[in-house]
Amino acid sequence: MIEVYVFLAVTLVCAYFAVSSKNIVYGVVFLLCTNLSLGVVYFMMGAPTVALFQIAIFAGAVVVFFVVTVMFTQAGKMTTDEVEEEVLE
């Protein structure tokens, strides 16, 4: 039972860092960690189907969607001055 509490603590810590991270890529990595550890908690509590969906859909598809979005938008590549120049043109 102590393992469940350890993974719940990991889930909470990763969720905090996912929300408070200034870099969006690090936020996505912590979101992946959150979803994977939550899937492990579901599996340890006797719900393997829910754990499978948690890992496959949330940890897999949603994180891949965020990574692809970051790659296409290239977030963080422009400085504030560059954005102001582009808006004024």
PDB file of N, CA and C in Angstrom:
ATOM      1  N   MET A   1       0.818  -1.202   0.000  1.00  0.00           N
ATOM      2  CA  MET A   1       0.000   0.000   0.000  1.00  0.00           C
ATOM      3  C   MET A   1       0.857   1.259   0.000  1.00  0.00           C
ATOM      4  N   ILE A   2       2.062   1.139   0.548  1.00  0.00           N
ATOM      5  CA  ILE A   2       2.941   2.303   0.584  1.00  0.00           C
ATOM      6  C   ILE A   2       3.362   2.720  -0.824  1.00  0.00           C
ATOM      7  N   GLU A   3       3.414   1.744  -1.758  1.00  0.00           N
ATOM      8  CA  GLU A   3       3.790   2.066  -3.132  1.00  0.00           C
ATOM      9  C   GLU A   3       2.777   2.998  -3.778  1.00  0.00           C
ATOM     10  N   VAL A   4       1.507   2.809  -3.453  1.00  0.00           N
ATOM     11  CA  VAL A   4       0.461   3.674  -4.000  1.00  0.00           C
ATOM     12  C   VAL A   4       0.676   5.107  -3.536  1.00  0.00           C
ATOM     13  N   TYR A   5       0.996   5.284  -2.262  1.00  0.00           N
ATOM     14  CA  TYR A   5       1.228   6.628  -1.744  1.00  0.00           C
ATOM     15  C   TYR A   5       2.473   7.263  -2.356  1.00  0.00           C
ATOM     16  N   VAL A   6       3.477   6.455  -2.623  1.00  0.00           N
ATOM     17  CA  VAL A   6       4.685   6.985  -3.266  1.00  0.00           C
ATOM     18  C   VAL A   6       4.358   7.476  -4.674  1.00  0.00           C
ATOM     19  N   PHE A   7       3.616   6.680  -5.430  1.00  0.00           N
ATOM     20  CA  PHE A   7       3.262   7.097  -6.784  1.00  0.00           C
ATOM     21  C   PHE A   7       2.279   8.266  -6.779  1.00  0.00           C
ATOM     22  N   LEU A   8       1.417   8.348  -5.781  1.00  0.00           N
ATOM     23  CA  LEU A   8       0.547   9.521  -5.667  1.00  0.00           C
ATOM     24  C   LEU A   8       1.359  10.776  -5.385  1.00  0.00           C
ATOM     25  N   ALA A   9       2.380  10.654  -4.554  1.00  0.00           N
ATOM     26  CA  ALA A   9       3.255  11.797  -4.281  1.00  0.00           C
ATOM     27  C   ALA A   9       4.010  12.210  -5.542  1.00  0.00           C
ATOM     28  N   VAL A  10       4.487  11.229  -6.299  1.00  0.00           N
ATOM     29  CA  VAL A  10       5.163  11.536  -7.567  1.00  0.00           C
ATOM     30  C   VAL A  10       4.203  12.228  -8.525  1.00  0.00           C
ATOM     31  N   THR A  11       2.960  11.765  -8.556  1.00  0.00           N
ATOM     32  CA  THR A  11       1.948  12.381  -9.410  1.00  0.00           C
ATOM     33  C   THR A  11       1.723  13.834  -9.031  1.00  0.00           C
ATOM     34  N   LEU A  12       1.593  14.107  -7.748  1.00  0.00           N
ATOM     35  CA  LEU A  12       1.364  15.483  -7.306  1.00  0.00           C
ATOM     36  C   LEU A  12       2.555  16.388  -7.595  1.00  0.00           C
ATOM     37  N   VAL A  13       3.751  15.893  -7.366  1.00  0.00           N
ATOM     38  CA  VAL A  13       4.947  16.704  -7.623  1.00  0.00           C
ATOM     39  C   VAL A  13       5.088  16.997  -9.114  1.00  0.00           C
ATOM     40  N   CYS A  14       4.888  15.989  -9.941  1.00  0.00           N
ATOM     41  CA  CYS A  14       4.982  16.198 -11.388  1.00  0.00           C
ATOM     42  C   CYS A  14       3.880  17.125 -11.894  1.00  0.00           C
ATOM     43  N   ALA A  15       2.694  17.007 -11.340  1.00  0.00           N
ATOM     44  CA  ALA A  15       1.606  17.899 -11.742  1.00  0.00           C
ATOM     45  C   ALA A  15       1.915  19.339 -11.364  1.00  0.00           C
ATOM     46  N   TYR A  16       2.497  19.543 -10.188  1.00  0.00           N
ATOM     47  CA  TYR A  16       2.875  20.899  -9.781  1.00  0.00           C
ATOM     48  C   TYR A  16       3.907  21.488 -10.742  1.00  0.00           C
ATOM     49  N   PHE A  17       4.925  20.686 -11.076  1.00  0.00           N
ATOM     50  CA  PHE A  17       5.959  21.183 -11.982  1.00  0.00           C
ATOM     51  C   PHE A  17       5.428  21.358 -13.402  1.00  0.00           C
ATOM     52  N   ALA A  18       4.461  20.560 -13.815  1.00  0.00           N
ATOM     53  CA  ALA A  18       3.869  20.723 -15.144  1.00  0.00           C
ATOM     54  C   ALA A  18       3.133  22.046 -15.254  1.00  0.00           C
ATOM     55  N   VAL A  19       2.479  22.451 -14.181  1.00  0.00           N
ATOM     56  CA  VAL A  19       1.721  23.698 -14.201  1.00  0.00           C
ATOM     57  C   VAL A  19       2.626  24.909 -14.003  1.00  0.00           C
ATOM     58  N   SER A  20       3.639  24.777 -13.168  1.00  0.00           N
ATOM     59  CA  SER A  20       4.463  25.937 -12.821  1.00  0.00           C
ATOM     60  C   SER A  20       5.702  26.100 -13.695  1.00  0.00           C
ATOM     61  N   SER A  21       5.933  25.210 -14.629  1.00  0.00           N
ATOM     62  CA  SER A  21       7.120  25.293 -15.474  1.00  0.00           C
ATOM     63  C   SER A  21       7.000  26.444 -16.462  1.00  0.00           C
ATOM     64  N   LYS A  22       8.082  27.211 -16.608  1.00  0.00           N
ATOM     65  CA  LYS A  22       8.081  28.330 -17.550  1.00  0.00           C
ATOM     66  C   LYS A  22       8.340  27.855 -18.982  1.00  0.00           C
ATOM     67  N   ASN A  23       9.065  26.766 -19.120  1.00  0.00           N
ATOM     68  CA  ASN A  23       9.351  26.203 -20.434  1.00  0.00           C
ATOM     69  C   ASN A  23       8.255  25.198 -20.782  1.00  0.00           C
ATOM     70  N   ILE A  24       7.634  25.372 -21.931  1.00  0.00           N
ATOM     71  CA  ILE A  24       6.492  24.527 -22.286  1.00  0.00           C
ATOM     72  C   ILE A  24       6.913  23.079 -22.542  1.00  0.00           C
ATOM     73  N   VAL A  25       8.123  22.875 -23.023  1.00  0.00           N
ATOM     74  CA  VAL A  25       8.590  21.507 -23.270  1.00  0.00           C
ATOM     75  C   VAL A  25       8.756  20.763 -21.948  1.00  0.00           C
ATOM     76  N   TYR A  26       9.310  21.438 -20.942  1.00  0.00           N
ATOM     77  CA  TYR A  26       9.428  20.812 -19.621  1.00  0.00           C
ATOM     78  C   TYR A  26       8.043  20.537 -19.030  1.00  0.00           C
ATOM     79  N   GLY A  27       7.108  21.439 -19.279  1.00  0.00           N
ATOM     80  CA  GLY A  27       5.744  21.217 -18.814  1.00  0.00           C
ATOM     81  C   GLY A  27       5.128  19.969 -19.416  1.00  0.00           C
ATOM     82  N   VAL A  28       5.391  19.738 -20.701  1.00  0.00           N
ATOM     83  CA  VAL A  28       4.872  18.543 -21.367  1.00  0.00           C
ATOM     84  C   VAL A  28       5.531  17.285 -20.805  1.00  0.00           C
ATOM     85  N   VAL A  29       6.828  17.355 -20.520  1.00  0.00           N
ATOM     86  CA  VAL A  29       7.524  16.200 -19.944  1.00  0.00           C
ATOM     87  C   VAL A  29       6.963  15.875 -18.563  1.00  0.00           C
ATOM     88  N   PHE A  30       6.719  16.902 -17.759  1.00  0.00           N
ATOM     89  CA  PHE A  30       6.139  16.659 -16.440  1.00  0.00           C
ATOM     90  C   PHE A  30       4.694  16.178 -16.551  1.00  0.00           C
ATOM     91  N   LEU A  31       3.973  16.622 -17.573  1.00  0.00           N
ATOM     92  CA  LEU A  31       2.620  16.109 -17.806  1.00  0.00           C
ATOM     93  C   LEU A  31       2.666  14.624 -18.156  1.00  0.00           C
ATOM     94  N   LEU A  32       3.645  14.229 -18.946  1.00  0.00           N
ATOM     95  CA  LEU A  32       3.834  12.813 -19.250  1.00  0.00           C
ATOM     96  C   LEU A  32       4.123  12.021 -17.981  1.00  0.00           C
ATOM     97  N   CYS A  33       4.994  12.548 -17.136  1.00  0.00           N
ATOM     98  CA  CYS A  33       5.320  11.883 -15.866  1.00  0.00           C
ATOM     99  C   CYS A  33       4.078  11.760 -14.986  1.00  0.00           C
ATOM    100  N   THR A  34       3.267  12.804 -14.962  1.00  0.00           N
ATOM    101  CA  THR A  34       2.034  12.786 -14.172  1.00  0.00           C
ATOM    102  C   THR A  34       1.093  11.689 -14.650  1.00  0.00           C
ATOM    103  N   ASN A  35       0.889  11.628 -15.955  1.00  0.00           N
ATOM    104  CA  ASN A  35      -0.046  10.644 -16.499  1.00  0.00           C
ATOM    105  C   ASN A  35       0.460   9.215 -16.355  1.00  0.00           C
ATOM    106  N   LEU A  36       1.757   9.013 -16.523  1.00  0.00           N
ATOM    107  CA  LEU A  36       2.302   7.666 -16.350  1.00  0.00           C
ATOM    108  C   LEU A  36       2.190   7.194 -14.904  1.00  0.00           C
ATOM    109  N   SER A  37       2.522   8.057 -13.966  1.00  0.00           N
ATOM    110  CA  SER A  37       2.439   7.642 -12.562  1.00  0.00           C
ATOM    111  C   SER A  37       0.989   7.442 -12.130  1.00  0.00           C
ATOM    112  N   LEU A  38       0.074   8.220 -12.686  1.00  0.00           N
ATOM    113  CA  LEU A  38      -1.337   8.010 -12.379  1.00  0.00           C
ATOM    114  C   LEU A  38      -1.827   6.682 -12.956  1.00  0.00           C
ATOM    115  N   GLY A  39      -1.337   6.316 -14.127  1.00  0.00           N
ATOM    116  CA  GLY A  39      -1.664   5.008 -14.688  1.00  0.00           C
ATOM    117  C   GLY A  39      -1.154   3.868 -13.822  1.00  0.00           C
ATOM    118  N   VAL A  40       0.034   4.040 -13.255  1.00  0.00           N
ATOM    119  CA  VAL A  40       0.577   3.025 -12.346  1.00  0.00           C
ATOM    120  C   VAL A  40      -0.284   2.924 -11.094  1.00  0.00           C
ATOM    121  N   VAL A  41      -0.750   4.053 -10.584  1.00  0.00           N
ATOM    122  CA  VAL A  41      -1.624   4.042  -9.399  1.00  0.00           C
ATOM    123  C   VAL A  41      -2.912   3.288  -9.702  1.00  0.00           C
ATOM    124  N   TYR A  42      -3.506   3.553 -10.865  1.00  0.00           N
ATOM    125  CA  TYR A  42      -4.724   2.830 -11.235  1.00  0.00           C
ATOM    126  C   TYR A  42      -4.477   1.326 -11.303  1.00  0.00           C
ATOM    127  N   PHE A  43      -3.340   0.939 -11.893  1.00  0.00           N
ATOM    128  CA  PHE A  43      -3.026  -0.482 -12.006  1.00  0.00           C
ATOM    129  C   PHE A  43      -2.826  -1.113 -10.634  1.00  0.00           C
ATOM    130  N   MET A  44      -2.161  -0.418  -9.726  1.00  0.00           N
ATOM    131  CA  MET A  44      -1.913  -0.959  -8.388  1.00  0.00           C
ATOM    132  C   MET A  44      -3.191  -1.060  -7.568  1.00  0.00           C
ATOM    133  N   MET A  45      -4.181  -0.238  -7.898  1.00  0.00           N
ATOM    134  CA  MET A  45      -5.436  -0.279  -7.158  1.00  0.00           C
ATOM    135  C   MET A  45      -6.425  -1.281  -7.753  1.00  0.00           C
ATOM    136  N   GLY A  46      -5.998  -2.019  -8.774  1.00  0.00           N
ATOM    137  CA  GLY A  46      -6.838  -3.089  -9.297  1.00  0.00           C
ATOM    138  C   GLY A  46      -7.719  -2.702 -10.461  1.00  0.00           C
ATOM    139  N   ALA A  47      -7.347  -1.667 -11.199  1.00  0.00           N
ATOM    140  CA  ALA A  47      -8.124  -1.254 -12.365  1.00  0.00           C
ATOM    141  C   ALA A  47      -7.213  -1.224 -13.595  1.00  0.00           C
ATOM    142  N   PRO A  48      -6.859  -2.396 -14.125  1.00  0.00           N
ATOM    143  CA  PRO A  48      -5.905  -2.413 -15.243  1.00  0.00           C
ATOM    144  C   PRO A  48      -6.451  -1.804 -16.532  1.00  0.00           C
ATOM    145  N   THR A  49      -7.760  -1.887 -16.744  1.00  0.00           N
ATOM    146  CA  THR A  49      -8.336  -1.297 -17.949  1.00  0.00           C
ATOM    147  C   THR A  49      -8.242   0.218 -17.905  1.00  0.00           C
ATOM    148  N   VAL A  50      -8.552   0.793 -16.764  1.00  0.00           N
ATOM    149  CA  VAL A  50      -8.437   2.247 -16.604  1.00  0.00           C
ATOM    150  C   VAL A  50      -6.980   2.670 -16.738  1.00  0.00           C
ATOM    151  N   ALA A  51      -6.070   1.879 -16.188  1.00  0.00           N
ATOM    152  CA  ALA A  51      -4.641   2.185 -16.296  1.00  0.00           C
ATOM    153  C   ALA A  51      -4.191   2.152 -17.750  1.00  0.00           C
ATOM    154  N   LEU A  52      -4.675   1.173 -18.496  1.00  0.00           N
ATOM    155  CA  LEU A  52      -4.326   1.077 -19.909  1.00  0.00           C
ATOM    156  C   LEU A  52      -4.800   2.300 -20.680  1.00  0.00           C
ATOM    157  N   PHE A  53      -6.042   2.710 -20.454  1.00  0.00           N
ATOM    158  CA  PHE A  53      -6.556   3.896 -21.130  1.00  0.00           C
ATOM    159  C   PHE A  53      -5.821   5.160 -20.689  1.00  0.00           C
ATOM    160  N   GLN A  54      -5.499   5.256 -19.422  1.00  0.00           N
ATOM    161  CA  GLN A  54      -4.764   6.417 -18.916  1.00  0.00           C
ATOM    162  C   GLN A  54      -3.412   6.539 -19.609  1.00  0.00           C
ATOM    163  N   ILE A  55      -2.706   5.440 -19.707  1.00  0.00           N
ATOM    164  CA  ILE A  55      -1.372   5.481 -20.304  1.00  0.00           C
ATOM    165  C   ILE A  55      -1.454   5.632 -21.822  1.00  0.00           C
ATOM    166  N   ALA A  56      -2.363   4.899 -22.454  1.00  0.00           N
ATOM    167  CA  ALA A  56      -2.436   4.931 -23.914  1.00  0.00           C
ATOM    168  C   ALA A  56      -2.962   6.255 -24.441  1.00  0.00           C
ATOM    169  N   ILE A  57      -4.023   6.755 -23.846  1.00  0.00           N
ATOM    170  CA  ILE A  57      -4.650   7.962 -24.376  1.00  0.00           C
ATOM    171  C   ILE A  57      -3.994   9.216 -23.827  1.00  0.00           C
ATOM    172  N   PHE A  58      -3.949   9.359 -22.522  1.00  0.00           N
ATOM    173  CA  PHE A  58      -3.448  10.603 -21.957  1.00  0.00           C
ATOM    174  C   PHE A  58      -1.932  10.707 -22.039  1.00  0.00           C
ATOM    175  N   ALA A  59      -1.231   9.674 -21.617  1.00  0.00           N
ATOM    176  CA  ALA A  59       0.229   9.740 -21.625  1.00  0.00           C
ATOM    177  C   ALA A  59       0.777   9.603 -23.039  1.00  0.00           C
ATOM    178  N   GLY A  60       0.049   8.954 -23.906  1.00  0.00           N
ATOM    179  CA  GLY A  60       0.523   8.777 -25.267  1.00  0.00           C
ATOM    180  C   GLY A  60       0.042   9.853 -26.210  1.00  0.00           C
ATOM    181  N   ALA A  61      -1.231   9.826 -26.501  1.00  0.00           N
ATOM    182  CA  ALA A  61      -1.774  10.690 -27.542  1.00  0.00           C
ATOM    183  C   ALA A  61      -1.743  12.169 -27.178  1.00  0.00           C
ATOM    184  N   VAL A  62      -2.128  12.515 -25.982  1.00  0.00           N
ATOM    185  CA  VAL A  62      -2.193  13.926 -25.600  1.00  0.00           C
ATOM    186  C   VAL A  62      -0.803  14.543 -25.549  1.00  0.00           C
ATOM    187  N   VAL A  63       0.164  13.830 -25.000  1.00  0.00           N
ATOM    188  CA  VAL A  63       1.522  14.365 -24.930  1.00  0.00           C
ATOM    189  C   VAL A  63       2.124  14.483 -26.328  1.00  0.00           C
ATOM    190  N   VAL A  64       1.879  13.515 -27.196  1.00  0.00           N
ATOM    191  CA  VAL A  64       2.356  13.621 -28.577  1.00  0.00           C
ATOM    192  C   VAL A  64       1.712  14.817 -29.262  1.00  0.00           C
ATOM    193  N   PHE A  65       0.436  15.049 -29.014  1.00  0.00           N
ATOM    194  CA  PHE A  65      -0.238  16.219 -29.576  1.00  0.00           C
ATOM    195  C   PHE A  65       0.422  17.511 -29.106  1.00  0.00           C
ATOM    196  N   PHE A  66       0.729  17.608 -27.816  1.00  0.00           N
ATOM    197  CA  PHE A  66       1.388  18.810 -27.304  1.00  0.00           C
ATOM    198  C   PHE A  66       2.781  18.985 -27.900  1.00  0.00           C
ATOM    199  N   VAL A  67       3.532  17.914 -28.023  1.00  0.00           N
ATOM    200  CA  VAL A  67       4.888  18.008 -28.580  1.00  0.00           C
ATOM    201  C   VAL A  67       4.837  18.447 -30.039  1.00  0.00           C
ATOM    202  N   VAL A  68       3.926  17.896 -30.819  1.00  0.00           N
ATOM    203  CA  VAL A  68       3.795  18.293 -32.219  1.00  0.00           C
ATOM    204  C   VAL A  68       3.367  19.749 -32.320  1.00  0.00           C
ATOM    205  N   THR A  69       2.469  20.185 -31.465  1.00  0.00           N
ATOM    206  CA  THR A  69       2.046  21.581 -31.459  1.00  0.00           C
ATOM    207  C   THR A  69       3.211  22.504 -31.148  1.00  0.00           C
ATOM    208  N   VAL A  70       4.016  22.152 -30.175  1.00  0.00           N
ATOM    209  CA  VAL A  70       5.188  22.966 -29.840  1.00  0.00           C
ATOM    210  C   VAL A  70       6.166  22.990 -31.007  1.00  0.00           C
ATOM    211  N   MET A  71       6.348  21.860 -31.668  1.00  0.00           N
ATOM    212  CA  MET A  71       7.272  21.822 -32.801  1.00  0.00           C
ATOM    213  C   MET A  71       6.786  22.705 -33.942  1.00  0.00           C
ATOM    214  N   PHE A  72       5.486  22.696 -34.222  1.00  0.00           N
ATOM    215  CA  PHE A  72       4.978  23.493 -35.331  1.00  0.00           C
ATOM    216  C   PHE A  72       4.934  24.979 -35.013  1.00  0.00           C
ATOM    217  N   THR A  73       4.649  25.324 -33.790  1.00  0.00           N
ATOM    218  CA  THR A  73       4.588  26.743 -33.441  1.00  0.00           C
ATOM    219  C   THR A  73       5.944  27.295 -33.061  1.00  0.00           C
ATOM    220  N   GLN A  74       6.899  26.426 -32.757  1.00  0.00           N
ATOM    221  CA  GLN A  74       8.237  26.813 -32.333  1.00  0.00           C
ATOM    222  C   GLN A  74       8.160  27.831 -31.202  1.00  0.00           C
ATOM    223  N   ALA A  75       7.433  27.474 -30.174  1.00  0.00           N
ATOM    224  CA  ALA A  75       7.243  28.361 -29.025  1.00  0.00           C
ATOM    225  C   ALA A  75       8.581  28.670 -28.377  1.00  0.00           C
ATOM    226  N   GLY A  76       8.758  29.929 -28.043  1.00  0.00           N
ATOM    227  CA  GLY A  76       9.964  30.347 -27.352  1.00  0.00           C
ATOM    228  C   GLY A  76      11.111  30.706 -28.271  1.00  0.00           C
ATOM    229  N   LYS A  77      10.924  30.662 -29.581  1.00  0.00           N
ATOM    230  CA  LYS A  77      11.998  30.984 -30.512  1.00  0.00           C
ATOM    231  C   LYS A  77      12.147  32.493 -30.718  1.00  0.00           C
ATOM    232  N   MET A  78      11.075  33.241 -30.529  1.00  0.00           N
ATOM    233  CA  MET A  78      11.126  34.675 -30.784  1.00  0.00           C
ATOM    234  C   MET A  78      11.236  35.441 -29.471  1.00  0.00           C
ATOM    235  N   THR A  79      11.976  36.535 -29.529  1.00  0.00           N
ATOM    236  CA  THR A  79      12.068  37.404 -28.365  1.00  0.00           C
ATOM    237  C   THR A  79      10.925  38.404 -28.406  1.00  0.00           C
ATOM    238  N   THR A  80      10.774  39.150 -27.350  1.00  0.00           N
ATOM    239  CA  THR A  80       9.703  40.149 -27.285  1.00  0.00           C
ATOM    240  C   THR A  80       9.900  41.225 -28.341  1.00  0.00           C
ATOM    241  N   ASP A  81      11.132  41.641 -28.568  1.00  0.00           N
ATOM    242  CA  ASP A  81      11.404  42.659 -29.584  1.00  0.00           C
ATOM    243  C   ASP A  81      11.038  42.165 -30.978  1.00  0.00           C
ATOM    244  N   GLU A  82      11.329  40.913 -31.271  1.00  0.00           N
ATOM    245  CA  GLU A  82      10.980  40.359 -32.576  1.00  0.00           C
ATOM    246  C   GLU A  82       9.478  40.291 -32.766  1.00  0.00           C
ATOM    247  N   VAL A  83       8.754  39.970 -31.725  1.00  0.00           N
ATOM    248  CA  VAL A  83       7.294  39.917 -31.814  1.00  0.00           C
ATOM    249  C   VAL A  83       6.740  41.307 -32.064  1.00  0.00           C
ATOM    250  N   GLU A  84       7.252  42.318 -31.360  1.00  0.00           N
ATOM    251  CA  GLU A  84       6.786  43.694 -31.561  1.00  0.00           C
ATOM    252  C   GLU A  84       7.074  44.172 -32.976  1.00  0.00           C
ATOM    253  N   GLU A  85       8.254  43.842 -33.515  1.00  0.00           N
ATOM    254  CA  GLU A  85       8.587  44.239 -34.879  1.00  0.00           C
ATOM    255  C   GLU A  85       7.666  43.565 -35.884  1.00  0.00           C
ATOM    256  N   GLU A  86       7.348  42.296 -35.653  1.00  0.00           N
ATOM    257  CA  GLU A  86       6.490  41.569 -36.577  1.00  0.00           C
ATOM    258  C   GLU A  86       5.060  42.095 -36.533  1.00  0.00           C
ATOM    259  N   VAL A  87       4.601  42.496 -35.375  1.00  0.00           N
ATOM    260  CA  VAL A  87       3.242  43.025 -35.244  1.00  0.00           C
ATOM    261  C   VAL A  87       3.140  44.391 -35.902  1.00  0.00           C
ATOM    262  N   LEU A  88       4.173  45.206 -35.770  1.00  0.00           N
ATOM    263  CA  LEU A  88       4.147  46.555 -36.325  1.00  0.00           C
ATOM    264  C   LEU A  88       4.268  46.565 -37.841  1.00  0.00           C
ATOM    265  N   GLU A  89       4.792  45.518 -38.443  1.00  0.00           N
ATOM    266  CA  GLU A  89       4.953  45.485 -39.907  1.00  0.00           C
ATOM    267  C   GLU A  89       3.686  45.204 -40.616  1.00  0.00           C
TER     268      GLU A  89
END
